Protein backbone atom coordinates (compact mmCIF):
# COMPACT_ATOMS: atom_id res chain seq x y z
CA MET A 1 10.08 29.88 38.94
CA SER A 2 13.45 30.83 37.43
CA ALA A 3 13.30 33.30 34.61
CA GLY A 4 14.85 30.39 32.31
CA THR A 5 11.97 27.92 32.88
CA GLY A 6 9.40 30.98 31.94
CA GLY A 7 11.14 31.85 28.85
CA GLU A 8 11.37 27.93 27.91
CA GLN A 9 7.51 27.68 28.24
CA ALA A 10 7.06 30.90 26.26
CA ASP A 11 9.28 29.73 23.61
CA HIS A 12 7.17 26.33 23.80
CA ARG A 13 3.67 27.79 23.65
CA ALA A 14 5.09 29.90 20.51
CA GLN A 15 6.38 26.65 19.06
CA GLU A 16 2.85 25.07 19.65
CA ARG A 17 0.78 27.97 18.12
CA ALA A 18 3.04 27.87 14.87
CA ASP A 19 2.63 24.02 14.59
CA GLN A 20 -1.20 24.72 15.11
CA ARG A 21 -0.82 27.20 12.04
CA ASP A 22 1.32 25.21 9.89
CA MET A 23 -1.43 21.76 10.55
CA ALA A 24 -4.25 24.48 9.88
CA ASP A 25 -2.79 25.45 6.78
CA ALA A 26 -1.84 21.78 5.71
CA LEU A 27 -5.35 20.66 5.67
CA ASN A 28 -6.93 23.68 4.13
CA PRO A 29 -7.43 23.23 0.49
CA GLY A 30 -7.46 27.03 0.21
CA SER A 31 -3.55 27.30 1.24
CA SER A 32 -1.29 28.42 -1.67
CA SER A 33 0.85 26.27 -3.48
CA GLU A 34 3.87 27.79 -2.52
CA ARG A 35 2.76 27.48 1.24
CA LEU A 36 1.89 23.60 0.43
CA ARG A 37 5.19 23.36 -1.02
CA GLN A 38 6.85 25.09 1.98
CA LEU A 39 4.95 22.84 4.18
CA ALA A 40 6.12 19.51 2.74
CA ARG A 41 9.66 20.49 4.10
CA HIS A 42 8.61 20.70 7.44
CA GLU A 43 10.45 19.28 10.03
CA SER A 44 7.41 17.66 11.71
CA PRO A 45 6.43 14.14 9.59
CA THR A 46 2.94 14.48 11.39
CA ILE A 47 2.42 17.63 9.42
CA ARG A 48 3.89 16.27 6.24
CA ALA A 49 1.78 13.07 6.51
CA ARG A 50 -1.67 15.48 7.15
CA LEU A 51 -0.32 17.44 4.14
CA VAL A 52 -1.24 14.51 1.98
CA THR A 53 -4.83 14.95 2.35
CA ASN A 54 -5.20 18.18 1.04
CA PRO A 55 -6.79 17.93 -2.48
CA SER A 56 -4.76 21.08 -3.57
CA LEU A 57 -1.61 19.65 -3.07
CA PRO A 58 0.54 19.97 -6.45
CA GLU A 59 1.21 16.58 -8.02
CA ASP A 60 5.07 17.02 -7.99
CA VAL A 61 4.84 17.69 -4.03
CA ARG A 62 2.56 14.45 -3.74
CA VAL A 63 5.26 12.62 -5.42
CA ALA A 64 8.17 13.77 -3.20
CA LEU A 65 5.98 13.05 -0.31
CA ALA A 66 5.71 9.50 -1.53
CA ARG A 67 9.40 9.07 -1.23
CA ASP A 68 9.67 10.88 2.04
CA ARG A 69 12.37 9.25 4.41
CA VAL A 70 9.84 8.56 7.18
CA PRO A 71 7.42 5.77 6.53
CA MET A 72 4.10 7.19 8.19
CA VAL A 73 4.25 10.00 5.30
CA ARG A 74 4.44 7.45 2.73
CA LEU A 75 1.88 5.20 4.31
CA GLU A 76 -0.53 8.42 4.35
CA VAL A 77 0.40 8.85 0.49
CA ALA A 78 -0.34 5.08 -0.01
CA VAL A 79 -3.79 5.40 1.51
CA SER A 80 -4.68 9.05 0.26
CA ARG A 81 -7.81 8.86 -2.33
CA HIS A 82 -5.72 11.86 -4.05
CA SER A 83 -2.85 9.65 -4.94
CA GLY A 84 -2.85 8.50 -8.67
CA THR A 85 -2.18 5.27 -10.17
CA GLU A 86 1.71 6.26 -10.85
CA ILE A 87 2.27 7.28 -7.26
CA ILE A 88 0.65 4.30 -5.81
CA ASN A 89 2.54 2.02 -8.50
CA GLU A 90 5.76 3.52 -7.20
CA LEU A 91 4.68 2.96 -3.54
CA ALA A 92 4.04 -1.08 -4.53
CA THR A 93 7.76 -1.18 -4.73
CA ASP A 94 8.65 0.61 -1.36
CA ARG A 95 11.07 -1.15 0.83
CA LEU A 96 8.54 -1.59 3.65
CA ASP A 97 6.03 -3.95 3.54
CA PRO A 98 3.21 -1.86 5.29
CA VAL A 99 3.60 0.58 2.71
CA ARG A 100 3.24 -2.20 0.02
CA THR A 101 0.32 -3.56 1.49
CA LYS A 102 -1.37 -0.37 1.68
CA ALA A 103 -0.41 0.47 -1.99
CA ALA A 104 -1.94 -3.05 -2.88
CA LEU A 105 -5.43 -2.02 -1.28
CA HIS A 106 -5.35 1.18 -3.28
CA PRO A 107 -7.86 1.48 -6.02
CA ALA A 108 -5.51 3.37 -8.36
CA LEU A 109 -2.87 0.50 -8.40
CA SER A 110 -2.62 -0.93 -11.87
CA SER A 111 -3.43 -4.24 -12.56
CA GLN A 112 -0.01 -4.80 -13.69
CA ALA A 113 1.61 -3.93 -10.58
CA ALA A 114 -0.85 -6.06 -8.72
CA LEU A 115 -0.05 -8.98 -10.63
CA ARG A 116 3.59 -8.25 -9.86
CA LEU A 117 3.12 -8.16 -6.11
CA ALA A 118 0.76 -11.15 -5.97
CA ALA A 119 3.34 -13.01 -7.71
CA GLN A 120 6.70 -11.53 -6.56
CA ASP A 121 6.34 -10.05 -3.45
CA PRO A 122 8.89 -11.27 -0.47
CA HIS A 123 5.90 -11.06 2.09
CA ARG A 124 2.82 -13.04 2.26
CA GLU A 125 0.23 -10.27 3.49
CA VAL A 126 1.38 -8.20 0.41
CA ARG A 127 0.61 -11.14 -1.77
CA THR A 128 -2.27 -11.99 -0.44
CA THR A 129 -3.78 -8.46 -0.48
CA ALA A 130 -2.50 -8.10 -4.40
CA LEU A 131 -4.59 -11.18 -4.90
CA THR A 132 -7.66 -9.66 -4.10
CA ARG A 133 -7.30 -7.01 -6.56
CA LEU A 134 -7.09 -9.42 -9.60
CA THR A 135 -9.50 -10.67 -11.64
CA GLU A 136 -10.81 -14.34 -11.60
CA GLN A 137 -8.80 -14.79 -15.12
CA GLN A 138 -5.54 -12.91 -13.67
CA VAL A 139 -5.69 -15.46 -10.57
CA ARG A 140 -6.21 -18.62 -12.90
CA ASP A 141 -3.26 -17.30 -15.45
CA LEU A 142 -1.21 -16.73 -12.22
CA ILE A 143 -1.74 -20.15 -11.29
CA ASN A 144 -1.09 -21.46 -14.66
CA GLN A 145 2.34 -19.50 -14.61
CA TYR A 146 3.66 -20.60 -11.61
CA ALA A 147 2.40 -24.17 -10.99
CA PRO A 148 3.90 -26.30 -9.73
CA THR A 149 7.05 -24.54 -8.90
CA ALA A 150 6.38 -21.69 -6.79
CA SER A 151 3.99 -23.31 -4.31
CA PRO A 152 3.28 -20.41 -1.75
CA VAL A 153 2.17 -17.89 -4.35
CA VAL A 154 0.25 -20.64 -6.46
CA GLY A 155 -1.43 -21.70 -2.67
CA GLU A 156 -2.30 -18.43 -2.05
CA ALA A 157 -3.79 -17.81 -5.30
CA LEU A 158 -5.76 -21.19 -5.21
CA ARG A 159 -7.13 -19.92 -1.60
CA GLU A 160 -8.16 -16.74 -3.35
CA LEU A 161 -10.23 -18.63 -6.08
CA VAL A 162 -11.81 -20.95 -3.28
CA ARG A 163 -12.84 -17.50 -1.26
CA ARG A 164 -14.36 -16.47 -4.67
CA GLY A 165 -16.30 -19.52 -4.44
CA VAL A 166 -14.77 -20.97 -7.65
CA ASP A 167 -15.66 -24.67 -8.57
CA MET A 168 -12.42 -25.93 -7.84
CA ASP A 169 -13.30 -29.58 -8.87
CA SER A 170 -14.13 -27.99 -12.54
CA PHE A 171 -10.72 -25.92 -12.36
CA LEU A 172 -8.69 -28.76 -11.49
CA ALA A 173 -10.18 -31.14 -14.16
CA ASP A 174 -9.14 -28.07 -16.75
CA GLN A 175 -5.68 -29.01 -15.91
CA ARG A 176 -3.10 -31.28 -17.26
CA GLY A 177 -2.19 -34.35 -15.31
CA THR A 178 0.87 -33.64 -13.58
CA VAL A 179 -0.02 -30.04 -13.24
CA ARG A 180 -3.36 -31.12 -12.04
CA SER A 181 -1.63 -33.67 -9.12
CA ALA A 182 0.42 -30.97 -7.91
CA LEU A 183 -2.01 -28.20 -7.83
CA THR A 184 -4.43 -30.99 -5.85
CA GLN A 185 -1.50 -31.35 -3.48
CA ILE A 186 -0.85 -27.44 -3.17
CA LEU A 187 -4.65 -26.62 -2.69
CA THR A 188 -4.92 -29.43 0.12
CA ASP A 189 -1.85 -28.15 1.83
CA ALA A 190 -3.02 -24.54 1.51
CA LEU A 191 -6.51 -25.20 2.99
CA THR A 192 -5.15 -27.00 5.75
CA ASP A 193 -2.79 -24.38 6.86
CA GLN A 194 -5.32 -21.87 6.40
CA ARG A 195 -7.21 -23.75 9.65
């Protein structure tokens, strides 16, 4: 065994111990705010992601981690029960659809942000996830706002009402003639696509 290899192994073990200490500090609610701020700048995205679960993490640090360049960190912020409405609403505009999907599932997402996601997000999974967060009246309003022009959005909203057990015959009977006809076709297409 060469001396260089032994030295490299010792350096590696020392780095592993340092990372273990950093991880323990990241998870420890008793860690100081200063230490948590330091860990938020850690080179390891895994440590930054785990830091998000710490209930003692200062809010401004949580906001900074919600803007982290590494998606894994932003995903952890989006699922953290410690993330508030402002942070979750910001993550609902993230450039990556998995982050927006997780934000759409978070209980702190505002109804306004959920409506925007349901109506305007380019990805179907994000839209359908956001629809589950809306009240029945919000789903009905969304259908009325977009019918019959935005058929994918309207189709997803109609499917959500069906999923909730809404009497679709009564719902359609309440619609105006041309809108009723369009909605009936969209609903038929949406339910056919679902199979």
